[in-house]
Amino acid sequence: MDGGGRGRRLAAWEIPCASVVDNAWRRFELPAPAIGIEGHLLALRLARPQAEGDPVTVWTSGGDAWPGPEASFDGAPLPGDLALRLRYEPGRMQAIASRFRRIGLAPASGMLLVAGLAFGAVLTMVALWSVPDLSPPGLPPDPPDPMPPAATGPG
């Protein structure tokens, strides 16, 4: 698998044809997290080095399911794209930055927004704790705590 738009190989797999199950999905997992590929075109290349036995076939979508180049065989376009199921798990900071970008915020602006909201919440709590008791006169006092305080120190 190539990625990052730079022709960089992310992974390569060699699978014995005898282990390929007809009409079954095949899982290909990258050996390490692919850093810096968000928004770049990835290419999956399938090759069969020997011409013996049955050919390996792949399912196509029957339409244009993926943006970018179409699936091809020996340089000739195929009708539709490869049928793929992708699973991507970004790191925590990458996921946060991606969510900010989805709503139109640069990651730094989004972090400032979150920090500002957190600071505002802290100020609100401090302000509420500093407000004197404004209960109307004549209310009975709060009942005593049914749990005695824990012992502190040797008895």
N, C-alpha and C. Protein backbone atom coordinates (compact mmCIF):
# COMPACT_ATOMS: atom_id res chain seq x y z
N MET A 1 0.86 -1.17 0.00
CA MET A 1 0.00 0.00 0.00
C MET A 1 0.90 1.23 0.00
N ASP A 2 0.63 2.16 -0.91
CA ASP A 2 1.38 3.40 -1.01
C ASP A 2 0.54 4.52 -0.43
N GLY A 3 1.19 5.53 0.17
CA GLY A 3 0.42 6.61 0.75
C GLY A 3 1.18 7.90 0.83
N GLY A 4 0.43 8.93 1.18
CA GLY A 4 1.02 10.23 1.39
C GLY A 4 1.29 11.00 0.12
N GLY A 5 0.92 10.48 -1.05
CA GLY A 5 1.11 11.19 -2.29
C GLY A 5 2.57 11.31 -2.70
N ARG A 6 3.46 10.60 -2.02
CA ARG A 6 4.88 10.71 -2.30
C ARG A 6 5.45 9.40 -2.81
N GLY A 7 4.62 8.42 -3.13
CA GLY A 7 5.11 7.14 -3.58
C GLY A 7 5.75 6.33 -2.46
N ARG A 8 5.52 6.70 -1.25
CA ARG A 8 6.08 6.03 -0.08
C ARG A 8 5.30 4.76 0.19
N ARG A 9 5.98 3.64 0.37
CA ARG A 9 5.32 2.37 0.66
C ARG A 9 4.99 2.32 2.14
N LEU A 10 3.72 2.12 2.45
CA LEU A 10 3.29 2.00 3.85
C LEU A 10 3.37 0.56 4.33
N ALA A 11 3.10 -0.38 3.43
CA ALA A 11 3.13 -1.80 3.80
C ALA A 11 3.12 -2.65 2.55
N ALA A 12 3.53 -3.88 2.69
CA ALA A 12 3.45 -4.86 1.61
C ALA A 12 3.09 -6.21 2.23
N TRP A 13 2.26 -6.96 1.56
CA TRP A 13 1.85 -8.26 2.04
C TRP A 13 2.06 -9.28 0.93
N GLU A 14 2.48 -10.46 1.29
CA GLU A 14 2.57 -11.57 0.34
C GLU A 14 1.66 -12.66 0.88
N ILE A 15 0.65 -13.00 0.09
CA ILE A 15 -0.37 -13.94 0.55
C ILE A 15 -0.40 -15.11 -0.41
N PRO A 16 -0.22 -16.32 0.08
CA PRO A 16 -0.31 -17.50 -0.80
C PRO A 16 -1.73 -17.60 -1.39
N CYS A 17 -1.82 -17.80 -2.70
CA CYS A 17 -3.13 -17.87 -3.35
C CYS A 17 -4.00 -18.97 -2.75
N ALA A 18 -3.39 -20.04 -2.27
CA ALA A 18 -4.16 -21.15 -1.69
C ALA A 18 -4.91 -20.71 -0.43
N SER A 19 -4.46 -19.63 0.23
CA SER A 19 -5.12 -19.17 1.46
C SER A 19 -6.26 -18.19 1.16
N VAL A 20 -6.44 -17.82 -0.09
CA VAL A 20 -7.50 -16.87 -0.45
C VAL A 20 -8.82 -17.63 -0.55
N VAL A 21 -9.82 -17.17 0.21
CA VAL A 21 -11.13 -17.81 0.22
C VAL A 21 -12.03 -17.07 -0.77
N ASP A 22 -12.70 -17.82 -1.64
CA ASP A 22 -13.55 -17.23 -2.66
C ASP A 22 -14.69 -16.43 -2.01
N ASN A 23 -14.90 -15.23 -2.51
CA ASN A 23 -15.98 -14.33 -2.08
C ASN A 23 -15.90 -13.94 -0.60
N ALA A 24 -14.73 -13.95 -0.04
CA ALA A 24 -14.55 -13.54 1.37
C ALA A 24 -13.71 -12.27 1.42
N TRP A 25 -13.98 -11.45 2.41
CA TRP A 25 -13.18 -10.25 2.63
C TRP A 25 -11.80 -10.66 3.11
N ARG A 26 -10.80 -9.91 2.75
CA ARG A 26 -9.43 -10.14 3.22
C ARG A 26 -9.00 -8.92 4.01
N ARG A 27 -8.43 -9.12 5.18
CA ARG A 27 -8.01 -8.01 6.03
C ARG A 27 -6.53 -7.71 5.81
N PHE A 28 -6.23 -6.43 5.59
CA PHE A 28 -4.86 -5.95 5.47
C PHE A 28 -4.69 -4.87 6.52
N GLU A 29 -3.79 -5.09 7.45
CA GLU A 29 -3.58 -4.13 8.54
C GLU A 29 -2.18 -3.57 8.46
N LEU A 30 -2.09 -2.25 8.55
CA LEU A 30 -0.78 -1.61 8.52
C LEU A 30 0.01 -2.02 9.75
N PRO A 31 1.31 -2.27 9.62
CA PRO A 31 2.11 -2.71 10.76
C PRO A 31 2.37 -1.61 11.78
N ALA A 32 2.21 -0.35 11.38
CA ALA A 32 2.42 0.78 12.29
C ALA A 32 1.45 1.89 11.90
N PRO A 33 1.12 2.78 12.82
CA PRO A 33 0.22 3.88 12.46
C PRO A 33 0.80 4.70 11.30
N ALA A 34 -0.07 5.05 10.37
CA ALA A 34 0.34 5.86 9.21
C ALA A 34 0.16 7.33 9.59
N ILE A 35 1.25 8.01 9.87
CA ILE A 35 1.21 9.40 10.31
C ILE A 35 1.30 10.31 9.08
N GLY A 36 0.50 11.37 9.07
CA GLY A 36 0.59 12.37 8.02
C GLY A 36 -0.04 12.00 6.70
N ILE A 37 -0.99 11.06 6.69
CA ILE A 37 -1.60 10.69 5.42
C ILE A 37 -3.00 11.24 5.25
N GLU A 38 -3.54 11.91 6.28
CA GLU A 38 -4.90 12.43 6.19
C GLU A 38 -5.00 13.39 5.01
N GLY A 39 -6.01 13.17 4.17
CA GLY A 39 -6.23 14.01 3.01
C GLY A 39 -5.41 13.62 1.80
N HIS A 40 -4.56 12.61 1.91
CA HIS A 40 -3.74 12.17 0.78
C HIS A 40 -4.36 10.93 0.13
N LEU A 41 -4.04 10.73 -1.13
CA LEU A 41 -4.50 9.58 -1.88
C LEU A 41 -3.68 8.36 -1.50
N LEU A 42 -4.36 7.27 -1.22
CA LEU A 42 -3.69 6.00 -0.95
C LEU A 42 -3.96 5.06 -2.12
N ALA A 43 -3.00 4.28 -2.49
CA ALA A 43 -3.16 3.33 -3.59
C ALA A 43 -2.95 1.92 -3.08
N LEU A 44 -3.85 1.04 -3.45
CA LEU A 44 -3.73 -0.38 -3.13
C LEU A 44 -3.41 -1.09 -4.44
N ARG A 45 -2.29 -1.76 -4.49
CA ARG A 45 -1.86 -2.46 -5.71
C ARG A 45 -1.85 -3.95 -5.44
N LEU A 46 -2.51 -4.69 -6.31
CA LEU A 46 -2.54 -6.14 -6.21
C LEU A 46 -1.75 -6.70 -7.38
N ALA A 47 -0.88 -7.64 -7.10
CA ALA A 47 -0.07 -8.25 -8.16
C ALA A 47 0.00 -9.75 -7.94
N ARG A 48 0.04 -10.46 -9.00
CA ARG A 48 0.19 -11.91 -8.94
C ARG A 48 1.45 -12.25 -9.74
N PRO A 49 2.52 -12.62 -9.05
CA PRO A 49 3.80 -12.81 -9.74
C PRO A 49 3.84 -14.00 -10.68
N GLN A 50 3.02 -15.01 -10.46
CA GLN A 50 3.04 -16.21 -11.32
C GLN A 50 1.73 -16.30 -12.09
N ALA A 51 1.78 -16.81 -13.28
CA ALA A 51 0.58 -16.94 -14.11
C ALA A 51 0.00 -18.34 -14.06
N GLU A 52 0.31 -19.10 -13.03
CA GLU A 52 -0.18 -20.47 -12.92
C GLU A 52 -1.48 -20.49 -12.13
N GLY A 53 -2.34 -21.44 -12.43
CA GLY A 53 -3.57 -21.64 -11.67
C GLY A 53 -4.62 -20.58 -11.95
N ASP A 54 -5.64 -20.55 -11.08
CA ASP A 54 -6.74 -19.60 -11.24
C ASP A 54 -6.28 -18.19 -10.92
N PRO A 55 -6.80 -17.20 -11.64
CA PRO A 55 -6.42 -15.82 -11.33
C PRO A 55 -7.09 -15.36 -10.03
N VAL A 56 -6.47 -14.42 -9.37
CA VAL A 56 -7.07 -13.80 -8.19
C VAL A 56 -7.98 -12.69 -8.69
N THR A 57 -9.20 -12.68 -8.22
CA THR A 57 -10.16 -11.66 -8.65
C THR A 57 -10.54 -10.78 -7.48
N VAL A 58 -11.03 -9.60 -7.79
CA VAL A 58 -11.47 -8.66 -6.76
C VAL A 58 -12.87 -8.17 -7.13
N TRP A 59 -13.62 -7.77 -6.12
CA TRP A 59 -14.93 -7.19 -6.35
C TRP A 59 -14.77 -5.71 -6.63
N THR A 60 -15.62 -5.19 -7.50
CA THR A 60 -15.65 -3.74 -7.74
C THR A 60 -17.02 -3.22 -7.31
N SER A 61 -17.10 -1.92 -7.14
CA SER A 61 -18.32 -1.29 -6.64
C SER A 61 -19.39 -1.16 -7.71
N GLY A 62 -19.02 -1.24 -8.97
CA GLY A 62 -20.00 -1.06 -10.04
C GLY A 62 -20.29 0.40 -10.33
N GLY A 63 -19.65 1.30 -9.62
CA GLY A 63 -19.83 2.74 -9.81
C GLY A 63 -18.65 3.48 -9.22
N ASP A 64 -18.74 4.78 -9.23
CA ASP A 64 -17.65 5.60 -8.70
C ASP A 64 -17.84 5.81 -7.20
N ALA A 65 -17.37 4.86 -6.41
CA ALA A 65 -17.57 4.89 -4.95
C ALA A 65 -16.52 5.74 -4.24
N TRP A 66 -15.34 5.89 -4.82
CA TRP A 66 -14.24 6.60 -4.18
C TRP A 66 -13.79 7.76 -5.05
N PRO A 67 -13.47 8.90 -4.44
CA PRO A 67 -12.95 10.01 -5.25
C PRO A 67 -11.56 9.68 -5.77
N GLY A 68 -11.18 10.30 -6.85
CA GLY A 68 -9.84 10.10 -7.37
C GLY A 68 -9.81 9.07 -8.47
N PRO A 69 -8.64 8.51 -8.72
CA PRO A 69 -8.48 7.57 -9.83
C PRO A 69 -9.36 6.34 -9.68
N GLU A 70 -9.70 5.77 -10.81
CA GLU A 70 -10.52 4.56 -10.83
C GLU A 70 -9.63 3.32 -10.69
N ALA A 71 -10.25 2.20 -10.44
CA ALA A 71 -9.53 0.93 -10.43
C ALA A 71 -9.09 0.62 -11.87
N SER A 72 -7.96 -0.03 -11.99
CA SER A 72 -7.48 -0.38 -13.34
C SER A 72 -6.82 -1.75 -13.31
N PHE A 73 -6.74 -2.35 -14.49
CA PHE A 73 -6.07 -3.64 -14.66
C PHE A 73 -5.11 -3.49 -15.83
N ASP A 74 -3.82 -3.71 -15.57
CA ASP A 74 -2.78 -3.54 -16.59
C ASP A 74 -2.88 -2.18 -17.27
N GLY A 75 -3.21 -1.15 -16.50
CA GLY A 75 -3.28 0.21 -17.03
C GLY A 75 -4.61 0.59 -17.65
N ALA A 76 -5.51 -0.37 -17.85
CA ALA A 76 -6.82 -0.08 -18.44
C ALA A 76 -7.85 0.09 -17.32
N PRO A 77 -8.67 1.16 -17.37
CA PRO A 77 -9.66 1.38 -16.30
C PRO A 77 -10.69 0.26 -16.23
N LEU A 78 -11.09 -0.06 -15.01
CA LEU A 78 -12.15 -1.02 -14.76
C LEU A 78 -13.45 -0.27 -14.50
N PRO A 79 -14.61 -0.90 -14.73
CA PRO A 79 -15.87 -0.22 -14.42
C PRO A 79 -16.09 -0.21 -12.90
N GLY A 80 -15.94 0.92 -12.29
CA GLY A 80 -16.14 1.04 -10.85
C GLY A 80 -14.84 1.05 -10.08
N ASP A 81 -14.95 1.12 -8.78
CA ASP A 81 -13.81 1.15 -7.88
C ASP A 81 -13.72 -0.18 -7.15
N LEU A 82 -12.57 -0.44 -6.54
CA LEU A 82 -12.45 -1.63 -5.72
C LEU A 82 -13.45 -1.56 -4.57
N ALA A 83 -14.03 -2.69 -4.24
CA ALA A 83 -14.93 -2.74 -3.09
C ALA A 83 -14.06 -2.88 -1.84
N LEU A 84 -14.09 -1.85 -0.99
CA LEU A 84 -13.24 -1.80 0.20
C LEU A 84 -14.07 -1.47 1.43
N ARG A 85 -13.63 -1.97 2.56
CA ARG A 85 -14.14 -1.52 3.86
C ARG A 85 -12.92 -1.01 4.60
N LEU A 86 -12.94 0.27 4.94
CA LEU A 86 -11.78 0.87 5.60
C LEU A 86 -12.08 1.13 7.07
N ARG A 87 -11.07 0.95 7.89
CA ARG A 87 -11.17 1.27 9.32
C ARG A 87 -9.95 2.09 9.67
N TYR A 88 -10.19 3.24 10.22
CA TYR A 88 -9.11 4.17 10.50
C TYR A 88 -9.26 4.67 11.93
N GLU A 89 -8.21 4.56 12.71
CA GLU A 89 -8.22 5.03 14.10
C GLU A 89 -7.13 6.06 14.29
N PRO A 90 -7.49 7.34 14.22
CA PRO A 90 -6.46 8.37 14.42
C PRO A 90 -6.08 8.46 15.89
N GLY A 91 -4.91 9.03 16.16
CA GLY A 91 -4.51 9.30 17.53
C GLY A 91 -5.42 10.35 18.14
N ARG A 92 -5.40 10.49 19.45
CA ARG A 92 -6.31 11.39 20.15
C ARG A 92 -6.20 12.84 19.64
N MET A 93 -4.98 13.37 19.57
CA MET A 93 -4.82 14.76 19.13
C MET A 93 -5.19 14.92 17.66
N GLN A 94 -4.87 13.92 16.84
CA GLN A 94 -5.22 13.97 15.43
C GLN A 94 -6.75 13.94 15.27
N ALA A 95 -7.43 13.15 16.08
CA ALA A 95 -8.89 13.07 16.01
C ALA A 95 -9.52 14.40 16.42
N ILE A 96 -8.99 15.03 17.46
CA ILE A 96 -9.51 16.33 17.90
C ILE A 96 -9.30 17.37 16.81
N ALA A 97 -8.09 17.42 16.23
CA ALA A 97 -7.80 18.38 15.17
C ALA A 97 -8.71 18.16 13.97
N SER A 98 -8.96 16.91 13.63
CA SER A 98 -9.82 16.59 12.49
C SER A 98 -11.25 17.06 12.75
N ARG A 99 -11.73 16.90 13.96
CA ARG A 99 -13.09 17.36 14.29
C ARG A 99 -13.20 18.88 14.21
N PHE A 100 -12.17 19.58 14.67
CA PHE A 100 -12.18 21.04 14.55
C PHE A 100 -12.21 21.44 13.08
N ARG A 101 -11.41 20.77 12.24
CA ARG A 101 -11.39 21.11 10.81
C ARG A 101 -12.75 20.87 10.17
N ARG A 102 -13.46 19.81 10.60
CA ARG A 102 -14.78 19.51 10.03
C ARG A 102 -15.78 20.63 10.28
N ILE A 103 -15.65 21.33 11.40
CA ILE A 103 -16.58 22.43 11.68
C ILE A 103 -16.00 23.78 11.26
N GLY A 104 -14.88 23.75 10.51
CA GLY A 104 -14.34 24.98 9.94
C GLY A 104 -13.38 25.74 10.83
N LEU A 105 -12.85 25.10 11.87
CA LEU A 105 -11.90 25.77 12.76
C LEU A 105 -10.50 25.20 12.56
N ALA A 106 -9.52 26.05 12.56
CA ALA A 106 -8.14 25.56 12.59
C ALA A 106 -7.93 24.91 13.96
N PRO A 107 -7.14 23.86 14.05
CA PRO A 107 -6.95 23.18 15.34
C PRO A 107 -6.53 24.12 16.47
N ALA A 108 -5.65 25.08 16.19
CA ALA A 108 -5.22 26.01 17.25
C ALA A 108 -6.40 26.86 17.73
N SER A 109 -7.23 27.32 16.79
CA SER A 109 -8.41 28.12 17.16
C SER A 109 -9.38 27.29 17.98
N GLY A 110 -9.55 26.02 17.60
CA GLY A 110 -10.44 25.14 18.34
C GLY A 110 -9.96 24.92 19.76
N MET A 111 -8.64 24.74 19.93
CA MET A 111 -8.09 24.55 21.28
C MET A 111 -8.28 25.81 22.12
N LEU A 112 -8.10 27.00 21.49
CA LEU A 112 -8.34 28.25 22.22
C LEU A 112 -9.80 28.37 22.62
N LEU A 113 -10.70 27.96 21.73
CA LEU A 113 -12.12 28.00 22.05
C LEU A 113 -12.43 27.10 23.25
N VAL A 114 -11.90 25.88 23.24
CA VAL A 114 -12.14 24.95 24.35
C VAL A 114 -11.55 25.50 25.63
N ALA A 115 -10.32 26.06 25.56
CA ALA A 115 -9.69 26.63 26.75
C ALA A 115 -10.52 27.80 27.28
N GLY A 116 -11.04 28.63 26.38
CA GLY A 116 -11.87 29.76 26.79
C GLY A 116 -13.15 29.30 27.45
N LEU A 117 -13.78 28.27 26.90
CA LEU A 117 -15.01 27.74 27.51
C LEU A 117 -14.72 27.13 28.88
N ALA A 118 -13.61 26.42 29.01
CA ALA A 118 -13.24 25.83 30.30
C ALA A 118 -12.97 26.93 31.33
N PHE A 119 -12.25 27.97 30.91
CA PHE A 119 -11.96 29.08 31.81
C PHE A 119 -13.26 29.76 32.24
N GLY A 120 -14.16 29.95 31.30
CA GLY A 120 -15.46 30.56 31.63
C GLY A 120 -16.25 29.71 32.61
N ALA A 121 -16.19 28.37 32.46
CA ALA A 121 -16.89 27.48 33.38
C ALA A 121 -16.30 27.58 34.78
N VAL A 122 -14.97 27.66 34.88
CA VAL A 122 -14.30 27.78 36.18
C VAL A 122 -14.70 29.10 36.84
N LEU A 123 -14.68 30.18 36.08
CA LEU A 123 -15.08 31.48 36.65
C LEU A 123 -16.53 31.46 37.13
N THR A 124 -17.39 30.79 36.38
CA THR A 124 -18.80 30.69 36.78
C THR A 124 -18.92 29.93 38.09
N MET A 125 -18.19 28.81 38.23
CA MET A 125 -18.26 28.04 39.48
C MET A 125 -17.74 28.85 40.66
N VAL A 126 -16.64 29.58 40.47
CA VAL A 126 -16.09 30.41 41.55
C VAL A 126 -17.10 31.47 41.94
N ALA A 127 -17.74 32.08 40.95
CA ALA A 127 -18.72 33.13 41.24
C ALA A 127 -19.91 32.55 42.01
N LEU A 128 -20.36 31.37 41.62
CA LEU A 128 -21.51 30.76 42.31
C LEU A 128 -21.16 30.36 43.74
N TRP A 129 -19.94 29.87 43.97
CA TRP A 129 -19.54 29.49 45.32
C TRP A 129 -19.37 30.71 46.22
N SER A 130 -19.09 31.84 45.65
CA SER A 130 -18.85 33.02 46.49
C SER A 130 -20.13 33.79 46.78
N VAL A 131 -21.26 33.38 46.20
CA VAL A 131 -22.53 34.07 46.46
C VAL A 131 -22.99 33.71 47.87
N PRO A 132 -23.38 34.72 48.66
CA PRO A 132 -23.87 34.40 50.01
C PRO A 132 -25.18 33.63 49.95
N ASP A 133 -25.52 32.99 51.07
CA ASP A 133 -26.75 32.23 51.14
C ASP A 133 -27.93 33.19 51.01
N LEU A 134 -28.72 33.02 49.98
CA LEU A 134 -29.85 33.92 49.73
C LEU A 134 -31.18 33.23 50.03
N SER A 135 -31.16 32.19 50.90
CA SER A 135 -32.43 31.55 51.22
C SER A 135 -33.30 32.50 52.03
N PRO A 136 -34.61 32.38 51.83
CA PRO A 136 -35.51 33.25 52.59
C PRO A 136 -35.42 32.96 54.09
N PRO A 137 -35.60 33.98 54.92
CA PRO A 137 -35.54 33.75 56.37
C PRO A 137 -36.65 32.81 56.83
N GLY A 138 -36.40 32.09 57.87
CA GLY A 138 -37.41 31.22 58.47
C GLY A 138 -37.32 29.78 57.99
N LEU A 139 -36.46 29.47 57.03
CA LEU A 139 -36.32 28.08 56.60
C LEU A 139 -35.55 27.31 57.67
N PRO A 140 -35.91 26.03 57.88
CA PRO A 140 -35.17 25.26 58.87
C PRO A 140 -33.75 25.00 58.35
N PRO A 141 -32.80 24.81 59.26
CA PRO A 141 -31.42 24.54 58.82
C PRO A 141 -31.34 23.18 58.12
N ASP A 142 -30.29 23.01 57.36
CA ASP A 142 -30.07 21.72 56.69
C ASP A 142 -29.93 20.64 57.75
N PRO A 143 -30.46 19.42 57.49
CA PRO A 143 -30.32 18.34 58.46
C PRO A 143 -28.85 17.95 58.59
N PRO A 144 -28.48 17.40 59.76
CA PRO A 144 -27.08 16.99 59.95
C PRO A 144 -26.74 15.84 59.00
N ASP A 145 -25.48 15.72 58.70
CA ASP A 145 -24.98 14.65 57.83
C ASP A 145 -25.12 13.33 58.57
N PRO A 146 -25.80 12.31 57.97
CA PRO A 146 -25.99 11.05 58.68
C PRO A 146 -24.71 10.24 58.82
N MET A 147 -23.70 10.54 58.03
CA MET A 147 -22.44 9.81 58.10
C MET A 147 -21.46 10.59 58.97
N PRO A 148 -20.97 9.97 60.05
CA PRO A 148 -19.98 10.70 60.88
C PRO A 148 -18.68 10.88 60.10
N PRO A 149 -17.92 11.90 60.43
CA PRO A 149 -16.66 12.09 59.72
C PRO A 149 -15.71 10.93 60.01
N ALA A 150 -14.85 10.65 59.05
CA ALA A 150 -13.87 9.57 59.21
C ALA A 150 -12.86 9.96 60.27
N ALA A 151 -12.36 8.95 60.96
CA ALA A 151 -11.35 9.19 61.99
C ALA A 151 -10.07 9.68 61.32
N THR A 152 -9.41 10.63 61.96
CA THR A 152 -8.15 11.15 61.41
C THR A 152 -7.05 10.89 62.42
N GLY A 153 -6.22 9.94 62.12
CA GLY A 153 -5.08 9.68 63.01
C GLY A 153 -5.35 8.52 63.94
N PRO A 154 -4.33 8.19 64.75
CA PRO A 154 -4.48 7.04 65.67
C PRO A 154 -5.50 7.37 66.76
N GLY A 155 -6.24 6.33 67.11
CA GLY A 155 -7.34 6.49 67.97
C GLY A 155 -7.17 6.53 69.39
